[in-house]
Amino acid sequence: MTKILICDDSIAEVRLIQAVLDKAGYRSVVTNDPTAIERTIDAERPNLILLDVVMPQRNGYQVCRDLKGNTEYNRIPVVVVSSKDQDSDKFWAREQGADGYVVKPFTPEQLLGTIKRFV
């Protein structure tokens, strides 16, 4: 079963994403702490990461850059899921190595369509 790691500090957003993933047959794991994402990846070995941008202590751009710069993690696709909707936000995510970008609020079809490109 495909395992997807959700990294978002909003419990409500996590629950919404989990509901979409569960209904589509994916297994989801969660970390609300962007400073702990590497430990979660090591423990869970996800097939894909859904990553929020606006989080305390370490934003999603920093997390993405760190993951993509690390040979242990850089093959895992990262899809940014953010309310930041400017072209510059999407550009910056690509610059940090993000493989995809989904804007909140999203439809289940938008989220799943992006996920299916990578898993």
PDB file of N, CA and C in Angstrom:
ATOM      1  N   MET A   1       0.845  -1.190   0.000  1.00  0.00           N
ATOM      2  CA  MET A   1       0.000   0.000   0.000  1.00  0.00           C
ATOM      3  C   MET A   1       0.883   1.244   0.000  1.00  0.00           C
ATOM      4  N   THR A   2       0.509   2.216  -0.800  1.00  0.00           N
ATOM      5  CA  THR A   2       1.256   3.466  -0.884  1.00  0.00           C
ATOM      6  C   THR A   2       1.075   4.262   0.397  1.00  0.00           C
ATOM      7  N   LYS A   3       2.207   4.693   0.966  1.00  0.00           N
ATOM      8  CA  LYS A   3       2.201   5.446   2.221  1.00  0.00           C
ATOM      9  C   LYS A   3       2.574   6.903   1.942  1.00  0.00           C
ATOM     10  N   ILE A   4       1.743   7.811   2.426  1.00  0.00           N
ATOM     11  CA  ILE A   4       1.948   9.240   2.203  1.00  0.00           C
ATOM     12  C   ILE A   4       2.117   9.937   3.547  1.00  0.00           C
ATOM     13  N   LEU A   5       3.210  10.686   3.659  1.00  0.00           N
ATOM     14  CA  LEU A   5       3.480  11.463   4.870  1.00  0.00           C
ATOM     15  C   LEU A   5       2.915  12.867   4.703  1.00  0.00           C
ATOM     16  N   ILE A   6       2.091  13.272   5.661  1.00  0.00           N
ATOM     17  CA  ILE A   6       1.537  14.628   5.695  1.00  0.00           C
ATOM     18  C   ILE A   6       2.302  15.408   6.748  1.00  0.00           C
ATOM     19  N   CYS A   7       2.902  16.529   6.350  1.00  0.00           N
ATOM     20  CA  CYS A   7       3.579  17.409   7.303  1.00  0.00           C
ATOM     21  C   CYS A   7       2.868  18.754   7.281  1.00  0.00           C
ATOM     22  N   ASP A   8       2.049  18.988   8.289  1.00  0.00           N
ATOM     23  CA  ASP A   8       1.244  20.204   8.393  1.00  0.00           C
ATOM     24  C   ASP A   8       0.973  20.443   9.866  1.00  0.00           C
ATOM     25  N   ASP A   9       1.106  21.679  10.308  1.00  0.00           N
ATOM     26  CA  ASP A   9       0.891  21.982  11.721  1.00  0.00           C
ATOM     27  C   ASP A   9      -0.580  22.209  12.063  1.00  0.00           C
ATOM     28  N   SER A  10      -1.451  22.220  11.062  1.00  0.00           N
ATOM     29  CA  SER A  10      -2.885  22.413  11.289  1.00  0.00           C
ATOM     30  C   SER A  10      -3.585  21.054  11.375  1.00  0.00           C
ATOM     31  N   ILE A  11      -4.116  20.744  12.547  1.00  0.00           N
ATOM     32  CA  ILE A  11      -4.817  19.469  12.736  1.00  0.00           C
ATOM     33  C   ILE A  11      -6.019  19.365  11.797  1.00  0.00           C
ATOM     34  N   ALA A  12      -6.731  20.475  11.606  1.00  0.00           N
ATOM     35  CA  ALA A  12      -7.906  20.462  10.720  1.00  0.00           C
ATOM     36  C   ALA A  12      -7.503  20.133   9.283  1.00  0.00           C
ATOM     37  N   GLU A  13      -6.426  20.732   8.810  1.00  0.00           N
ATOM     38  CA  GLU A  13      -5.950  20.449   7.449  1.00  0.00           C
ATOM     39  C   GLU A  13      -5.513  18.997   7.321  1.00  0.00           C
ATOM     40  N   VAL A  14      -4.812  18.497   8.340  1.00  0.00           N
ATOM     41  CA  VAL A  14      -4.368  17.103   8.322  1.00  0.00           C
ATOM     42  C   VAL A  14      -5.564  16.169   8.214  1.00  0.00           C
ATOM     43  N   ARG A  15      -6.602  16.417   9.003  1.00  0.00           N
ATOM     44  CA  ARG A  15      -7.794  15.554   8.975  1.00  0.00           C
ATOM     45  C   ARG A  15      -8.466  15.585   7.613  1.00  0.00           C
ATOM     46  N   LEU A  16      -8.528  16.756   7.010  1.00  0.00           N
ATOM     47  CA  LEU A  16      -9.129  16.892   5.682  1.00  0.00           C
ATOM     48  C   LEU A  16      -8.333  16.087   4.654  1.00  0.00           C
ATOM     49  N   ILE A  17      -7.020  16.238   4.665  1.00  0.00           N
ATOM     50  CA  ILE A  17      -6.171  15.503   3.726  1.00  0.00           C
ATOM     51  C   ILE A  17      -6.273  14.003   3.980  1.00  0.00           C
ATOM     52  N   GLN A  18      -6.251  13.603   5.244  1.00  0.00           N
ATOM     53  CA  GLN A  18      -6.356  12.179   5.574  1.00  0.00           C
ATOM     54  C   GLN A  18      -7.653  11.576   5.058  1.00  0.00           C
ATOM     55  N   ALA A  19      -8.744  12.311   5.166  1.00  0.00           N
ATOM     56  CA  ALA A  19     -10.037  11.805   4.697  1.00  0.00           C
ATOM     57  C   ALA A  19      -9.987  11.525   3.189  1.00  0.00           C
ATOM     58  N   VAL A  20      -9.367  12.434   2.439  1.00  0.00           N
ATOM     59  CA  VAL A  20      -9.237  12.255   0.994  1.00  0.00           C
ATOM     60  C   VAL A  20      -8.355  11.045   0.690  1.00  0.00           C
ATOM     61  N   LEU A  21      -7.227  10.937   1.389  1.00  0.00           N
ATOM     62  CA  LEU A  21      -6.297   9.834   1.143  1.00  0.00           C
ATOM     63  C   LEU A  21      -6.909   8.495   1.522  1.00  0.00           C
ATOM     64  N   ASP A  22      -7.568   8.448   2.678  1.00  0.00           N
ATOM     65  CA  ASP A  22      -8.186   7.197   3.138  1.00  0.00           C
ATOM     66  C   ASP A  22      -9.214   6.695   2.136  1.00  0.00           C
ATOM     67  N   LYS A  23     -10.053   7.604   1.665  1.00  0.00           N
ATOM     68  CA  LYS A  23     -11.105   7.225   0.716  1.00  0.00           C
ATOM     69  C   LYS A  23     -10.519   6.696  -0.591  1.00  0.00           C
ATOM     70  N   ALA A  24      -9.334   7.202  -0.950  1.00  0.00           N
ATOM     71  CA  ALA A  24      -8.682   6.778  -2.197  1.00  0.00           C
ATOM     72  C   ALA A  24      -7.809   5.534  -2.004  1.00  0.00           C
ATOM     73  N   GLY A  25      -7.725   5.028  -0.770  1.00  0.00           N
ATOM     74  CA  GLY A  25      -6.985   3.799  -0.529  1.00  0.00           C
ATOM     75  C   GLY A  25      -5.521   3.969  -0.181  1.00  0.00           C
ATOM     76  N   TYR A  26      -5.110   5.197   0.124  1.00  0.00           N
ATOM     77  CA  TYR A  26      -3.731   5.435   0.543  1.00  0.00           C
ATOM     78  C   TYR A  26      -3.615   5.311   2.060  1.00  0.00           C
ATOM     79  N   ARG A  27      -2.447   4.964   2.532  1.00  0.00           N
ATOM     80  CA  ARG A  27      -2.172   4.963   3.968  1.00  0.00           C
ATOM     81  C   ARG A  27      -1.461   6.271   4.293  1.00  0.00           C
ATOM     82  N   SER A  28      -1.956   6.998   5.287  1.00  0.00           N
ATOM     83  CA  SER A  28      -1.327   8.264   5.645  1.00  0.00           C
ATOM     84  C   SER A  28      -0.662   8.177   7.005  1.00  0.00           C
ATOM     85  N   VAL A  29       0.455   8.866   7.117  1.00  0.00           N
ATOM     86  CA  VAL A  29       1.139   9.074   8.384  1.00  0.00           C
ATOM     87  C   VAL A  29       1.338  10.576   8.519  1.00  0.00           C
ATOM     88  N   VAL A  30       1.460  11.042   9.751  1.00  0.00           N
ATOM     89  CA  VAL A  30       1.441  12.482   9.997  1.00  0.00           C
ATOM     90  C   VAL A  30       2.563  12.901  10.932  1.00  0.00           C
ATOM     91  N   THR A  31       3.124  14.053  10.629  1.00  0.00           N
ATOM     92  CA  THR A  31       3.910  14.784  11.613  1.00  0.00           C
ATOM     93  C   THR A  31       3.438  16.228  11.580  1.00  0.00           C
ATOM     94  N   ASN A  32       3.181  16.771  12.750  1.00  0.00           N
ATOM     95  CA  ASN A  32       2.791  18.174  12.863  1.00  0.00           C
ATOM     96  C   ASN A  32       4.003  19.056  13.134  1.00  0.00           C
ATOM     97  N   ASP A  33       5.170  18.428  13.285  1.00  0.00           N
ATOM     98  CA  ASP A  33       6.389  19.131  13.665  1.00  0.00           C
ATOM     99  C   ASP A  33       7.405  19.061  12.521  1.00  0.00           C
ATOM    100  N   PRO A  34       7.593  20.170  11.795  1.00  0.00           N
ATOM    101  CA  PRO A  34       8.522  20.146  10.672  1.00  0.00           C
ATOM    102  C   PRO A  34       9.976  19.893  11.084  1.00  0.00           C
ATOM    103  N   THR A  35      10.294  20.104  12.349  1.00  0.00           N
ATOM    104  CA  THR A  35      11.663  19.830  12.797  1.00  0.00           C
ATOM    105  C   THR A  35      11.899  18.336  13.001  1.00  0.00           C
ATOM    106  N   ALA A  36      10.823  17.548  12.996  1.00  0.00           N
ATOM    107  CA  ALA A  36      10.935  16.100  13.224  1.00  0.00           C
ATOM    108  C   ALA A  36      10.690  15.283  11.960  1.00  0.00           C
ATOM    109  N   ILE A  37      10.605  15.934  10.806  1.00  0.00           N
ATOM    110  CA  ILE A  37      10.206  15.196   9.599  1.00  0.00           C
ATOM    111  C   ILE A  37      11.210  14.111   9.222  1.00  0.00           C
ATOM    112  N   GLU A  38      12.485  14.361   9.385  1.00  0.00           N
ATOM    113  CA  GLU A  38      13.471  13.332   9.030  1.00  0.00           C
ATOM    114  C   GLU A  38      13.303  12.095   9.893  1.00  0.00           C
ATOM    115  N   ARG A  39      13.047  12.265  11.176  1.00  0.00           N
ATOM    116  CA  ARG A  39      12.819  11.109  12.051  1.00  0.00           C
ATOM    117  C   ARG A  39      11.584  10.333  11.605  1.00  0.00           C
ATOM    118  N   THR A  40      10.544  11.050  11.215  1.00  0.00           N
ATOM    119  CA  THR A  40       9.322  10.394  10.748  1.00  0.00           C
ATOM    120  C   THR A  40       9.582   9.643   9.444  1.00  0.00           C
ATOM    121  N   ILE A  41      10.329  10.237   8.542  1.00  0.00           N
ATOM    122  CA  ILE A  41      10.672   9.565   7.283  1.00  0.00           C
ATOM    123  C   ILE A  41      11.467   8.295   7.576  1.00  0.00           C
ATOM    124  N   ASP A  42      12.437   8.385   8.461  1.00  0.00           N
ATOM    125  CA  ASP A  42      13.255   7.214   8.813  1.00  0.00           C
ATOM    126  C   ASP A  42      12.394   6.085   9.379  1.00  0.00           C
ATOM    127  N   ALA A  43      11.423   6.444  10.200  1.00  0.00           N
ATOM    128  CA  ALA A  43      10.578   5.433  10.847  1.00  0.00           C
ATOM    129  C   ALA A  43       9.521   4.866   9.898  1.00  0.00           C
ATOM    130  N   GLU A  44       8.972   5.701   9.032  1.00  0.00           N
ATOM    131  CA  GLU A  44       7.810   5.310   8.222  1.00  0.00           C
ATOM    132  C   GLU A  44       8.114   4.990   6.757  1.00  0.00           C
ATOM    133  N   ARG A  45       9.198   5.494   6.213  1.00  0.00           N
ATOM    134  CA  ARG A  45       9.577   5.278   4.817  1.00  0.00           C
ATOM    135  C   ARG A  45       8.421   5.541   3.838  1.00  0.00           C
ATOM    136  N   PRO A  46       7.934   6.793   3.793  1.00  0.00           N
ATOM    137  CA  PRO A  46       6.798   7.103   2.914  1.00  0.00           C
ATOM    138  C   PRO A  46       7.187   7.078   1.429  1.00  0.00           C
ATOM    139  N   ASN A  47       6.167   6.896   0.584  1.00  0.00           N
ATOM    140  CA  ASN A  47       6.356   6.933  -0.861  1.00  0.00           C
ATOM    141  C   ASN A  47       6.252   8.348  -1.417  1.00  0.00           C
ATOM    142  N   LEU A  48       5.640   9.250  -0.638  1.00  0.00           N
ATOM    143  CA  LEU A  48       5.418  10.631  -1.074  1.00  0.00           C
ATOM    144  C   LEU A  48       5.218  11.489   0.164  1.00  0.00           C
ATOM    145  N   ILE A  49       5.563  12.775   0.064  1.00  0.00           N
ATOM    146  CA  ILE A  49       5.386  13.709   1.176  1.00  0.00           C
ATOM    147  C   ILE A  49       4.493  14.858   0.721  1.00  0.00           C
ATOM    148  N   LEU A  50       3.462  15.147   1.513  1.00  0.00           N
ATOM    149  CA  LEU A  50       2.624  16.336   1.326  1.00  0.00           C
ATOM    150  C   LEU A  50       3.069  17.333   2.378  1.00  0.00           C
ATOM    151  N   LEU A  51       3.482  18.514   1.936  1.00  0.00           N
ATOM    152  CA  LEU A  51       4.181  19.453   2.812  1.00  0.00           C
ATOM    153  C   LEU A  51       3.549  20.829   2.787  1.00  0.00           C
ATOM    154  N   ASP A  52       3.143  21.309   3.957  1.00  0.00           N
ATOM    155  CA  ASP A  52       2.642  22.675   4.092  1.00  0.00           C
ATOM    156  C   ASP A  52       3.827  23.634   4.040  1.00  0.00           C
ATOM    157  N   VAL A  53       3.571  24.896   3.743  1.00  0.00           N
ATOM    158  CA  VAL A  53       4.637  25.904   3.725  1.00  0.00           C
ATOM    159  C   VAL A  53       4.707  26.649   5.041  1.00  0.00           C
ATOM    160  N   VAL A  54       3.576  27.186   5.494  1.00  0.00           N
ATOM    161  CA  VAL A  54       3.579  28.061   6.664  1.00  0.00           C
ATOM    162  C   VAL A  54       3.486  27.223   7.936  1.00  0.00           C
ATOM    163  N   MET A  55       4.653  27.032   8.570  1.00  0.00           N
ATOM    164  CA  MET A  55       4.745  26.268   9.813  1.00  0.00           C
ATOM    165  C   MET A  55       5.779  26.942  10.712  1.00  0.00           C
ATOM    166  N   PRO A  56       5.638  26.758  12.015  1.00  0.00           N
ATOM    167  CA  PRO A  56       6.585  27.390  12.939  1.00  0.00           C
ATOM    168  C   PRO A  56       7.948  26.684  12.932  1.00  0.00           C
ATOM    169  N   GLN A  57       8.969  27.419  13.265  1.00  0.00           N
ATOM    170  CA  GLN A  57      10.342  26.940  13.453  1.00  0.00           C
ATOM    171  C   GLN A  57      11.053  26.576  12.161  1.00  0.00           C
ATOM    172  N   ARG A  58      10.351  25.962  11.224  1.00  0.00           N
ATOM    173  CA  ARG A  58      10.974  25.510   9.979  1.00  0.00           C
ATOM    174  C   ARG A  58       9.882  25.462   8.916  1.00  0.00           C
ATOM    175  N   ASN A  59       9.938  26.391   7.967  1.00  0.00           N
ATOM    176  CA  ASN A  59       8.856  26.415   6.976  1.00  0.00           C
ATOM    177  C   ASN A  59       9.048  25.330   5.925  1.00  0.00           C
ATOM    178  N   GLY A  60       8.001  25.119   5.140  1.00  0.00           N
ATOM    179  CA  GLY A  60       8.014  24.056   4.155  1.00  0.00           C
ATOM    180  C   GLY A  60       9.086  24.206   3.095  1.00  0.00           C
ATOM    181  N   TYR A  61       9.417  25.439   2.734  1.00  0.00           N
ATOM    182  CA  TYR A  61      10.488  25.645   1.764  1.00  0.00           C
ATOM    183  C   TYR A  61      11.815  25.135   2.326  1.00  0.00           C
ATOM    184  N   GLN A  62      12.078  25.446   3.595  1.00  0.00           N
ATOM    185  CA  GLN A  62      13.309  24.980   4.238  1.00  0.00           C
ATOM    186  C   GLN A  62      13.333  23.454   4.310  1.00  0.00           C
ATOM    187  N   VAL A  63      12.210  22.864   4.708  1.00  0.00           N
ATOM    188  CA  VAL A  63      12.121  21.404   4.798  1.00  0.00           C
ATOM    189  C   VAL A  63      12.384  20.781   3.429  1.00  0.00           C
ATOM    190  N   CYS A  64      11.735  21.293   2.394  1.00  0.00           N
ATOM    191  CA  CYS A  64      11.892  20.752   1.051  1.00  0.00           C
ATOM    192  C   CYS A  64      13.348  20.855   0.598  1.00  0.00           C
ATOM    193  N   ARG A  65      13.950  22.005   0.774  1.00  0.00           N
ATOM    194  CA  ARG A  65      15.349  22.199   0.377  1.00  0.00           C
ATOM    195  C   ARG A  65      16.253  21.206   1.098  1.00  0.00           C
ATOM    196  N   ASP A  66      16.033  21.026   2.410  1.00  0.00           N
ATOM    197  CA  ASP A  66      16.853  20.093   3.188  1.00  0.00           C
ATOM    198  C   ASP A  66      16.668  18.652   2.715  1.00  0.00           C
ATOM    199  N   LEU A  67      15.422  18.259   2.461  1.00  0.00           N
ATOM    200  CA  LEU A  67      15.159  16.888   1.999  1.00  0.00           C
ATOM    201  C   LEU A  67      15.772  16.635   0.629  1.00  0.00           C
ATOM    202  N   LYS A  68      15.585  17.576  -0.284  1.00  0.00           N
ATOM    203  CA  LYS A  68      16.089  17.394  -1.649  1.00  0.00           C
ATOM    204  C   LYS A  68      17.613  17.504  -1.717  1.00  0.00           C
ATOM    205  N   GLY A  69      18.221  18.119  -0.722  1.00  0.00           N
ATOM    206  CA  GLY A  69      19.676  18.216  -0.663  1.00  0.00           C
ATOM    207  C   GLY A  69      20.328  17.041   0.039  1.00  0.00           C
ATOM    208  N   ASN A  70      19.523  16.095   0.508  1.00  0.00           N
ATOM    209  CA  ASN A  70      20.026  14.956   1.269  1.00  0.00           C
ATOM    210  C   ASN A  70      19.855  13.691   0.427  1.00  0.00           C
ATOM    211  N   THR A  71      20.955  12.998   0.153  1.00  0.00           N
ATOM    212  CA  THR A  71      20.876  11.818  -0.724  1.00  0.00           C
ATOM    213  C   THR A  71      20.018  10.700  -0.142  1.00  0.00           C
ATOM    214  N   GLU A  72      19.789  10.725   1.158  1.00  0.00           N
ATOM    215  CA  GLU A  72      18.955   9.699   1.787  1.00  0.00           C
ATOM    216  C   GLU A  72      17.462   9.921   1.506  1.00  0.00           C
ATOM    217  N   TYR A  73      17.073  11.173   1.287  1.00  0.00           N
ATOM    218  CA  TYR A  73      15.656  11.519   1.157  1.00  0.00           C
ATOM    219  C   TYR A  73      15.268  12.104  -0.206  1.00  0.00           C
ATOM    220  N   ASN A  74      16.226  12.460  -1.032  1.00  0.00           N
ATOM    221  CA  ASN A  74      15.906  13.280  -2.210  1.00  0.00           C
ATOM    222  C   ASN A  74      15.110  12.566  -3.301  1.00  0.00           C
ATOM    223  N   ARG A  75      14.966  11.247  -3.213  1.00  0.00           N
ATOM    224  CA  ARG A  75      14.170  10.535  -4.230  1.00  0.00           C
ATOM    225  C   ARG A  75      12.687  10.484  -3.880  1.00  0.00           C
ATOM    226  N   ILE A  76      12.336  10.879  -2.671  1.00  0.00           N
ATOM    227  CA  ILE A  76      10.929  10.873  -2.267  1.00  0.00           C
ATOM    228  C   ILE A  76      10.254  12.117  -2.858  1.00  0.00           C
ATOM    229  N   PRO A  77       9.209  11.940  -3.662  1.00  0.00           N
ATOM    230  CA  PRO A  77       8.524  13.111  -4.214  1.00  0.00           C
ATOM    231  C   PRO A  77       7.913  13.965  -3.100  1.00  0.00           C
ATOM    232  N   VAL A  78       8.049  15.284  -3.258  1.00  0.00           N
ATOM    233  CA  VAL A  78       7.485  16.243  -2.315  1.00  0.00           C
ATOM    234  C   VAL A  78       6.470  17.103  -3.060  1.00  0.00           C
ATOM    235  N   VAL A  79       5.233  17.104  -2.551  1.00  0.00           N
ATOM    236  CA  VAL A  79       4.188  17.958  -3.096  1.00  0.00           C
ATOM    237  C   VAL A  79       3.848  18.992  -2.028  1.00  0.00           C
ATOM    238  N   VAL A  80       4.045  20.258  -2.363  1.00  0.00           N
ATOM    239  CA  VAL A  80       3.680  21.338  -1.460  1.00  0.00           C
ATOM    240  C   VAL A  80       2.168  21.517  -1.530  1.00  0.00           C
ATOM    241  N   VAL A  81       1.537  21.594  -0.360  1.00  0.00           N
ATOM    242  CA  VAL A  81       0.099  21.827  -0.259  1.00  0.00           C
ATOM    243  C   VAL A  81      -0.058  23.079   0.596  1.00  0.00           C
ATOM    244  N   SER A  82      -0.389  24.204  -0.052  1.00  0.00           N
ATOM    245  CA  SER A  82      -0.328  25.489   0.640  1.00  0.00           C
ATOM    246  C   SER A  82      -1.448  26.428   0.205  1.00  0.00           C
ATOM    247  N   SER A  83      -1.797  27.335   1.093  1.00  0.00           N
ATOM    248  CA  SER A  83      -2.756  28.384   0.750  1.00  0.00           C
ATOM    249  C   SER A  83      -2.059  29.518  -0.006  1.00  0.00           C
ATOM    250  N   LYS A  84      -0.749  29.491  -0.060  1.00  0.00           N
ATOM    251  CA  LYS A  84       0.018  30.513  -0.790  1.00  0.00           C
ATOM    252  C   LYS A  84      -0.151  30.247  -2.282  1.00  0.00           C
ATOM    253  N   ASP A  85      -0.787  31.194  -2.982  1.00  0.00           N
ATOM    254  CA  ASP A  85      -1.248  30.949  -4.347  1.00  0.00           C
ATOM    255  C   ASP A  85      -0.594  31.849  -5.398  1.00  0.00           C
ATOM    256  N   GLN A  86       0.424  32.594  -5.031  1.00  0.00           N
ATOM    257  CA  GLN A  86       1.083  33.469  -5.999  1.00  0.00           C
ATOM    258  C   GLN A  86       2.037  32.664  -6.878  1.00  0.00           C
ATOM    259  N   ASP A  87       2.258  33.134  -8.095  1.00  0.00           N
ATOM    260  CA  ASP A  87       3.226  32.480  -8.976  1.00  0.00           C
ATOM    261  C   ASP A  87       4.591  32.406  -8.316  1.00  0.00           C
ATOM    262  N   SER A  88       4.946  33.450  -7.557  1.00  0.00           N
ATOM    263  CA  SER A  88       6.248  33.478  -6.888  1.00  0.00           C
ATOM    264  C   SER A  88       6.349  32.369  -5.836  1.00  0.00           C
ATOM    265  N   ASP A  89       5.237  32.024  -5.175  1.00  0.00           N
ATOM    266  CA  ASP A  89       5.243  30.934  -4.196  1.00  0.00           C
ATOM    267  C   ASP A  89       5.518  29.603  -4.887  1.00  0.00           C
ATOM    268  N   LYS A  90       4.851  29.389  -6.007  1.00  0.00           N
ATOM    269  CA  LYS A  90       5.031  28.146  -6.759  1.00  0.00           C
ATOM    270  C   LYS A  90       6.441  28.067  -7.333  1.00  0.00           C
ATOM    271  N   PHE A  91       6.942  29.199  -7.818  1.00  0.00           N
ATOM    272  CA  PHE A  91       8.305  29.253  -8.335  1.00  0.00           C
ATOM    273  C   PHE A  91       9.302  28.904  -7.228  1.00  0.00           C
ATOM    274  N   TRP A  92       9.129  29.513  -6.060  1.00  0.00           N
ATOM    275  CA  TRP A  92      10.055  29.280  -4.951  1.00  0.00           C
ATOM    276  C   TRP A  92      10.009  27.813  -4.518  1.00  0.00           C
ATOM    277  N   ALA A  93       8.843  27.206  -4.521  1.00  0.00           N
ATOM    278  CA  ALA A  93       8.732  25.785  -4.168  1.00  0.00           C
ATOM    279  C   ALA A  93       9.523  24.938  -5.163  1.00  0.00           C
ATOM    280  N   ARG A  94       9.371  25.228  -6.462  1.00  0.00           N
ATOM    281  CA  ARG A  94      10.139  24.488  -7.480  1.00  0.00           C
ATOM    282  C   ARG A  94      11.641  24.691  -7.281  1.00  0.00           C
ATOM    283  N   GLU A  95      12.031  25.915  -6.948  1.00  0.00           N
ATOM    284  CA  GLU A  95      13.444  26.213  -6.720  1.00  0.00           C
ATOM    285  C   GLU A  95      14.013  25.402  -5.555  1.00  0.00           C
ATOM    286  N   GLN A  96      13.169  25.083  -4.574  1.00  0.00           N
ATOM    287  CA  GLN A  96      13.617  24.302  -3.418  1.00  0.00           C
ATOM    288  C   GLN A  96      13.575  22.802  -3.685  1.00  0.00           C
ATOM    289  N   GLY A  97      13.048  22.424  -4.868  1.00  0.00           N
ATOM    290  CA  GLY A  97      13.035  21.022  -5.255  1.00  0.00           C
ATOM    291  C   GLY A  97      11.681  20.346  -5.213  1.00  0.00           C
ATOM    292  N   ALA A  98      10.621  21.091  -4.917  1.00  0.00           N
ATOM    293  CA  ALA A  98       9.284  20.479  -4.859  1.00  0.00           C
ATOM    294  C   ALA A  98       8.921  19.871  -6.213  1.00  0.00           C
ATOM    295  N   ASP A  99       8.301  18.713  -6.156  1.00  0.00           N
ATOM    296  CA  ASP A  99       7.909  18.009  -7.369  1.00  0.00           C
ATOM    297  C   ASP A  99       6.525  18.426  -7.857  1.00  0.00           C
ATOM    298  N   GLY A 100       5.684  18.932  -6.944  1.00  0.00           N
ATOM    299  CA  GLY A 100       4.336  19.351  -7.291  1.00  0.00           C
ATOM    300  C   GLY A 100       3.840  20.404  -6.319  1.00  0.00           C
ATOM    301  N   TYR A 101       2.709  21.013  -6.658  1.00  0.00           N
ATOM    302  CA  TYR A 101       2.159  22.096  -5.838  1.00  0.00           C
ATOM    303  C   TYR A 101       0.636  22.045  -5.934  1.00  0.00           C
ATOM    304  N   VAL A 102      -0.035  22.004  -4.790  1.00  0.00           N
ATOM    305  CA  VAL A 102      -1.492  22.015  -4.734  1.00  0.00           C
ATOM    306  C   VAL A 102      -1.904  23.183  -3.844  1.00  0.00           C
ATOM    307  N   VAL A 103      -2.832  23.997  -4.343  1.00  0.00           N
ATOM    308  CA  VAL A 103      -3.275  25.168  -3.597  1.00  0.00           C
ATOM    309  C   VAL A 103      -4.486  24.825  -2.744  1.00  0.00           C
ATOM    310  N   LYS A 104      -4.436  25.225  -1.460  1.00  0.00           N
ATOM    311  CA  LYS A 104      -5.585  25.113  -0.558  1.00  0.00           C
ATOM    312  C   LYS A 104      -6.476  26.322  -0.788  1.00  0.00           C
ATOM    313  N   PRO A 105      -7.779  26.189  -0.763  1.00  0.00           N
ATOM    314  CA  PRO A 105      -8.504  24.924  -0.666  1.00  0.00           C
ATOM    315  C   PRO A 105      -8.441  24.188  -1.999  1.00  0.00           C
ATOM    316  N   PHE A 106      -8.444  22.886  -1.924  1.00  0.00           N
ATOM    317  CA  PHE A 106      -8.351  22.039  -3.111  1.00  0.00           C
ATOM    318  C   PHE A 106      -9.549  21.099  -3.135  1.00  0.00           C
ATOM    319  N   THR A 107      -9.821  20.559  -4.307  1.00  0.00           N
ATOM    320  CA  THR A 107     -10.829  19.506  -4.409  1.00  0.00           C
ATOM    321  C   THR A 107     -10.092  18.170  -4.229  1.00  0.00           C
ATOM    322  N   PRO A 108     -10.800  17.138  -3.815  1.00  0.00           N
ATOM    323  CA  PRO A 108     -10.155  15.821  -3.738  1.00  0.00           C
ATOM    324  C   PRO A 108      -9.523  15.427  -5.074  1.00  0.00           C
ATOM    325  N   GLU A 109     -10.182  15.756  -6.172  1.00  0.00           N
ATOM    326  CA  GLU A 109      -9.665  15.408  -7.493  1.00  0.00           C
ATOM    327  C   GLU A 109      -8.335  16.112  -7.781  1.00  0.00           C
ATOM    328  N   GLN A 110      -8.219  17.371  -7.361  1.00  0.00           N
ATOM    329  CA  GLN A 110      -6.964  18.095  -7.572  1.00  0.00           C
ATOM    330  C   GLN A 110      -5.827  17.447  -6.786  1.00  0.00           C
ATOM    331  N   LEU A 111      -6.075  17.141  -5.522  1.00  0.00           N
ATOM    332  CA  LEU A 111      -5.044  16.537  -4.686  1.00  0.00           C
ATOM    333  C   LEU A 111      -4.653  15.164  -5.215  1.00  0.00           C
ATOM    334  N   LEU A 112      -5.645  14.334  -5.471  1.00  0.00           N
ATOM    335  CA  LEU A 112      -5.366  12.963  -5.930  1.00  0.00           C
ATOM    336  C   LEU A 112      -4.735  12.939  -7.317  1.00  0.00           C
ATOM    337  N   GLY A 113      -5.133  13.859  -8.184  1.00  0.00           N
ATOM    338  CA  GLY A 113      -4.534  13.937  -9.514  1.00  0.00           C
ATOM    339  C   GLY A 113      -3.052  14.248  -9.426  1.00  0.00           C
ATOM    340  N   THR A 114      -2.676  15.124  -8.529  1.00  0.00           N
ATOM    341  CA  THR A 114      -1.262  15.457  -8.358  1.00  0.00           C
ATOM    342  C   THR A 114      -0.514  14.268  -7.749  1.00  0.00           C
ATOM    343  N   ILE A 115      -1.088  13.649  -6.741  1.00  0.00           N
ATOM    344  CA  ILE A 115      -0.445  12.486  -6.097  1.00  0.00           C
ATOM    345  C   ILE A 115      -0.190  11.384  -7.125  1.00  0.00           C
ATOM    346  N   LYS A 116      -1.182  11.124  -7.972  1.00  0.00           N
ATOM    347  CA  LYS A 116      -1.068  10.022  -8.942  1.00  0.00           C
ATOM    348  C   LYS A 116       0.045  10.245  -9.957  1.00  0.00           C
ATOM    349  N   ARG A 117       0.497  11.475 -10.118  1.00  0.00           N
ATOM    350  CA  ARG A 117       1.625  11.737 -11.023  1.00  0.00           C
ATOM    351  C   ARG A 117       2.928  11.165 -10.456  1.00  0.00           C
ATOM    352  N   PHE A 118       2.965  10.906  -9.154  1.00  0.00           N
ATOM    353  CA  PHE A 118       4.237  10.542  -8.511  1.00  0.00           C
ATOM    354  C   PHE A 118       4.260   9.170  -7.868  1.00  0.00           C
ATOM    355  N   VAL A 119       3.113   8.551  -7.645  1.00  0.00           N
ATOM    356  CA  VAL A 119       3.107   7.226  -6.994  1.00  0.00           C
ATOM    357  C   VAL A 119       2.332   6.218  -7.825  1.00  0.00           C
TER     358      VAL A 119
END
